[in-house]
Protein backbone atom coordinates (compact mmCIF):
# COMPACT_ATOMS: atom_id res chain seq x y z
CA PHE A 1 105.84 104.43 94.17
CA MET A 2 104.63 101.47 95.93
CA TYR A 3 102.26 101.50 99.04
CA THR A 4 102.82 97.68 99.93
CA ARG A 5 105.26 97.05 102.62
CA TYR A 6 107.52 94.02 101.77
CA ILE A 7 109.40 91.89 104.00
CA ALA A 8 112.36 91.59 102.18
CA SER A 9 114.10 88.70 103.85
CA PRO A 10 112.41 85.71 104.99
CA PRO A 11 113.50 84.83 108.88
CA GLN A 12 117.07 83.63 109.87
CA ASN A 13 115.58 80.28 111.13
CA ALA A 14 113.30 79.23 108.17
CA GLU A 15 114.44 76.40 105.68
CA LEU A 16 114.12 76.47 102.12
CA ILE A 17 111.84 74.30 100.49
CA GLU A 18 111.54 75.79 96.95
CA ARG A 19 112.79 78.23 94.65
CA TYR A 20 111.57 79.36 91.53
CA LYS A 21 111.71 82.19 88.81
CA ILE A 22 107.94 83.53 86.89
CA GLY A 23 109.47 85.87 84.37
CA GLU A 24 111.84 87.97 86.29
CA THR A 25 109.83 87.37 89.62
CA GLU A 26 111.60 84.81 92.36
CA ILE A 27 109.68 83.10 94.59
CA GLY A 28 110.83 81.45 97.39
CA ILE A 29 109.14 78.90 99.83
CA TYR A 30 110.19 78.68 102.79
CA GLN A 31 108.97 75.81 106.24
CA LEU A 32 109.05 78.16 109.15
CA PRO A 33 110.28 76.23 112.63
CA GLY A 34 106.78 76.14 114.76
CA LYS A 35 104.60 77.12 111.78
CA VAL A 36 101.88 74.92 109.62
CA ARG A 37 101.73 77.82 107.44
CA ARG A 38 104.67 78.29 105.08
CA LEU A 39 105.93 81.35 103.76
CA TYR A 40 105.73 82.29 99.89
CA HIS A 41 108.95 84.84 99.47
CA ILE A 42 108.56 87.02 96.39
CA ILE A 43 110.87 89.15 94.98
CA PRO A 44 109.53 91.14 92.34
CA PRO A 45 111.46 92.96 89.51
CA GLU A 46 110.99 96.32 90.85
CA PHE A 47 113.49 94.99 93.89
CA ARG A 48 116.60 94.81 91.62
CA LEU A 49 116.57 98.55 90.54
CA SER A 50 118.99 101.17 91.16
CA GLU A 51 117.94 104.35 93.41
CA GLN A 52 117.80 106.92 89.79
CA GLU A 53 115.03 104.08 88.46
CA TYR A 54 112.99 104.28 91.52
CA MET A 55 113.62 107.50 91.51
CA LEU A 56 111.97 107.95 87.99
CA LEU A 57 108.89 105.35 89.10
CA ASP A 58 108.05 107.49 91.90
CA ALA A 59 107.98 110.63 89.95
CA GLY A 60 106.08 108.67 87.32
CA ARG A 61 103.31 107.24 89.67
CA ARG A 62 102.72 110.96 91.00
CA TYR A 63 102.41 111.99 87.44
CA ILE A 64 100.05 109.32 86.11
CA GLY A 65 98.21 109.45 89.60
CA ARG A 66 96.61 113.08 89.13
CA HIS A 67 95.47 112.03 85.74
CA GLU A 68 91.38 111.27 86.01
CA PRO A 69 90.39 108.75 83.77
CA ARG A 70 87.21 109.22 81.12
CA GLU A 71 84.29 106.90 81.62
CA ALA A 72 85.04 105.40 78.01
CA GLU A 73 88.56 104.31 79.41
CA LEU A 74 87.16 102.63 82.77
CA ALA A 75 84.83 100.75 80.47
CA GLU A 76 87.60 99.13 78.85
CA PRO A 77 90.69 98.31 81.47
CA GLU A 78 92.77 96.88 78.54
CA LYS A 79 92.56 100.09 76.12
CA MET A 80 93.36 102.16 79.17
CA ARG A 81 96.26 99.93 80.37
CA GLU A 82 97.96 100.02 76.68
CA ASN A 83 97.22 103.75 76.80
CA ILE A 84 99.08 103.93 80.51
CA MET A 85 101.96 101.57 78.83
CA ARG A 86 102.39 104.32 76.08
CA ILE A 87 102.53 107.33 78.48
CA SER A 88 104.50 105.69 80.56
CA VAL A 89 106.93 104.86 77.98
CA ASP A 90 107.04 108.94 77.06
CA LEU A 91 106.76 110.34 80.29
CA LEU A 92 109.66 108.07 82.11
CA GLN A 93 111.64 108.78 78.45
CA ASP A 94 111.05 112.42 79.51
CA LEU A 95 111.96 112.31 82.91
CA ALA A 96 115.08 110.94 82.59
CA LYS A 97 116.01 113.23 79.81
CA THR A 98 115.34 115.95 82.49
CA ASN A 99 116.98 114.25 85.30
CA SER A 100 120.24 113.12 83.10
CA VAL A 101 119.79 108.80 83.14
CA ALA A 102 121.14 106.90 80.70
CA LEU A 103 118.01 104.35 79.99
CA THR A 104 118.57 101.67 77.60
CA ASP A 105 115.66 100.67 75.36
CA MET A 106 115.33 97.31 77.58
CA GLN A 107 115.41 99.66 80.96
CA LEU A 108 112.52 101.72 79.71
CA LYS A 109 110.40 98.87 78.96
CA LYS A 110 110.75 97.68 81.97
CA LEU A 111 110.05 100.66 83.96
CA ALA A 112 106.88 101.21 81.76
CA ASP A 113 105.97 97.39 82.26
CA ILE A 114 106.32 98.40 86.57
CA LEU A 115 104.53 101.69 86.38
CA THR A 116 101.85 100.30 84.36
CA ARG A 117 101.58 97.08 86.67
CA TYR A 118 101.14 99.35 89.24
CA THR A 119 98.68 102.37 87.97
CA ALA A 120 96.27 100.87 85.75
CA GLY A 121 97.04 96.78 87.41
CA LEU A 122 97.20 95.07 90.38
CA GLY A 123 100.58 95.57 91.19
CA ILE A 124 102.31 92.78 93.10
CA LEU A 125 98.89 91.34 92.86
CA GLU A 126 99.54 90.59 89.22
CA LEU A 127 103.32 88.91 89.66
CA ILE A 128 101.32 86.62 92.66
CA LEU A 129 98.28 86.01 89.94
CA ALA A 130 100.98 85.01 87.21
CA ASP A 131 102.08 82.14 89.56
CA GLU A 132 100.03 78.91 87.92
CA ASN A 133 100.46 77.53 91.52
CA VAL A 134 98.28 79.80 92.92
CA GLN A 135 94.76 78.88 93.48
CA ASP A 136 93.66 81.42 95.78
CA ILE A 137 94.72 84.76 97.25
CA ALA A 138 93.31 86.41 100.62
CA VAL A 139 93.68 89.98 101.91
CA ASN A 140 92.09 90.12 105.81
CA SER A 141 90.83 92.82 107.19
CA PRO A 142 92.15 95.09 108.94
CA VAL A 143 93.76 95.96 105.91
CA GLY A 144 97.56 96.36 106.93
CA SER A 145 97.61 94.61 109.85
CA ALA A 146 98.40 90.98 108.20
CA PRO A 147 100.43 89.54 105.27
CA VAL A 148 98.51 88.42 102.06
CA TYR A 149 97.89 84.67 102.35
CA LEU A 150 97.35 82.41 99.03
CA PHE A 151 96.84 78.92 98.40
CA HIS A 152 98.93 77.26 96.48
CA GLY A 153 98.68 74.18 94.34
CA VAL A 154 101.58 72.09 95.78
CA TYR A 155 102.35 73.77 99.17
CA GLN A 156 98.76 74.32 100.52
CA GLU A 157 97.79 77.48 102.60
CA CYS A 158 100.57 79.86 102.74
CA GLU A 159 101.45 83.75 104.12
CA THR A 160 103.64 86.04 101.97
CA ASN A 161 106.22 88.47 102.71
CA ILE A 162 103.65 91.45 101.39
CA VAL A 163 101.47 93.29 104.00
CA PRO A 164 99.09 95.42 101.82
CA SER A 165 98.50 99.08 102.55
CA ALA A 166 94.72 100.76 102.65
CA GLU A 167 95.74 102.52 99.40
CA ASP A 168 96.48 99.20 97.62
CA ALA A 169 93.74 97.40 98.75
CA ASP A 170 91.34 100.68 97.70
CA ALA A 171 92.63 100.16 94.13
CA TRP A 172 92.60 96.75 94.12
CA ALA A 173 89.27 96.83 95.05
CA THR A 174 88.43 99.52 92.40
CA ARG A 175 89.91 97.45 89.91
CA PHE A 176 87.61 94.12 90.67
CA ARG A 177 84.54 96.47 90.75
CA LEU A 178 85.33 97.62 87.70
CA GLN A 179 86.34 94.48 86.06
CA SER A 180 83.28 92.85 87.38
CA GLY A 181 80.71 95.19 87.04
CA ARG A 182 79.48 94.22 90.30
CA PRO A 183 79.57 96.48 93.34
CA LEU A 184 81.90 95.27 96.22
CA ASP A 185 81.24 96.00 100.04
CA GLU A 186 83.75 96.39 103.21
CA ALA A 187 83.96 92.44 103.51
């Protein structure tokens, strides 16, 4: 259900400087030998899901991806997000029943949050933006060849363990255009 590539673990020779949590998201700041930039290593909650939960999210994203929002929905992104959240809860309940997967209410809400974040939101960027230490994010072109970079309030310029796909970059650009009401060019 995710198109962005993640580097699951930091290099073995990386030195852990700090580790902290934002909600269920774990952040590790590492110093890499011979590099000026530090590594901002993010582990989102979706990395700790079972195979069945991944299967439900993948099926849910494919289903919601076929939905074309009406123009009125696009004008109000927050309302669209609330609608997608409600649809996600119902859809995941149905998919769980169909596939004989038992989910608690807490698991269902967690999966619906993740599905909403990746369909109506900014995906992994939302988790990075939730970190009050992050002041700026940069996605360099060509998309898919370099990780996302950020400016951290304490550790300055950092490279992340996230390499965005062209699909995710296009989705992010679309959401930024909708929220800002301004056109964006290739740059």
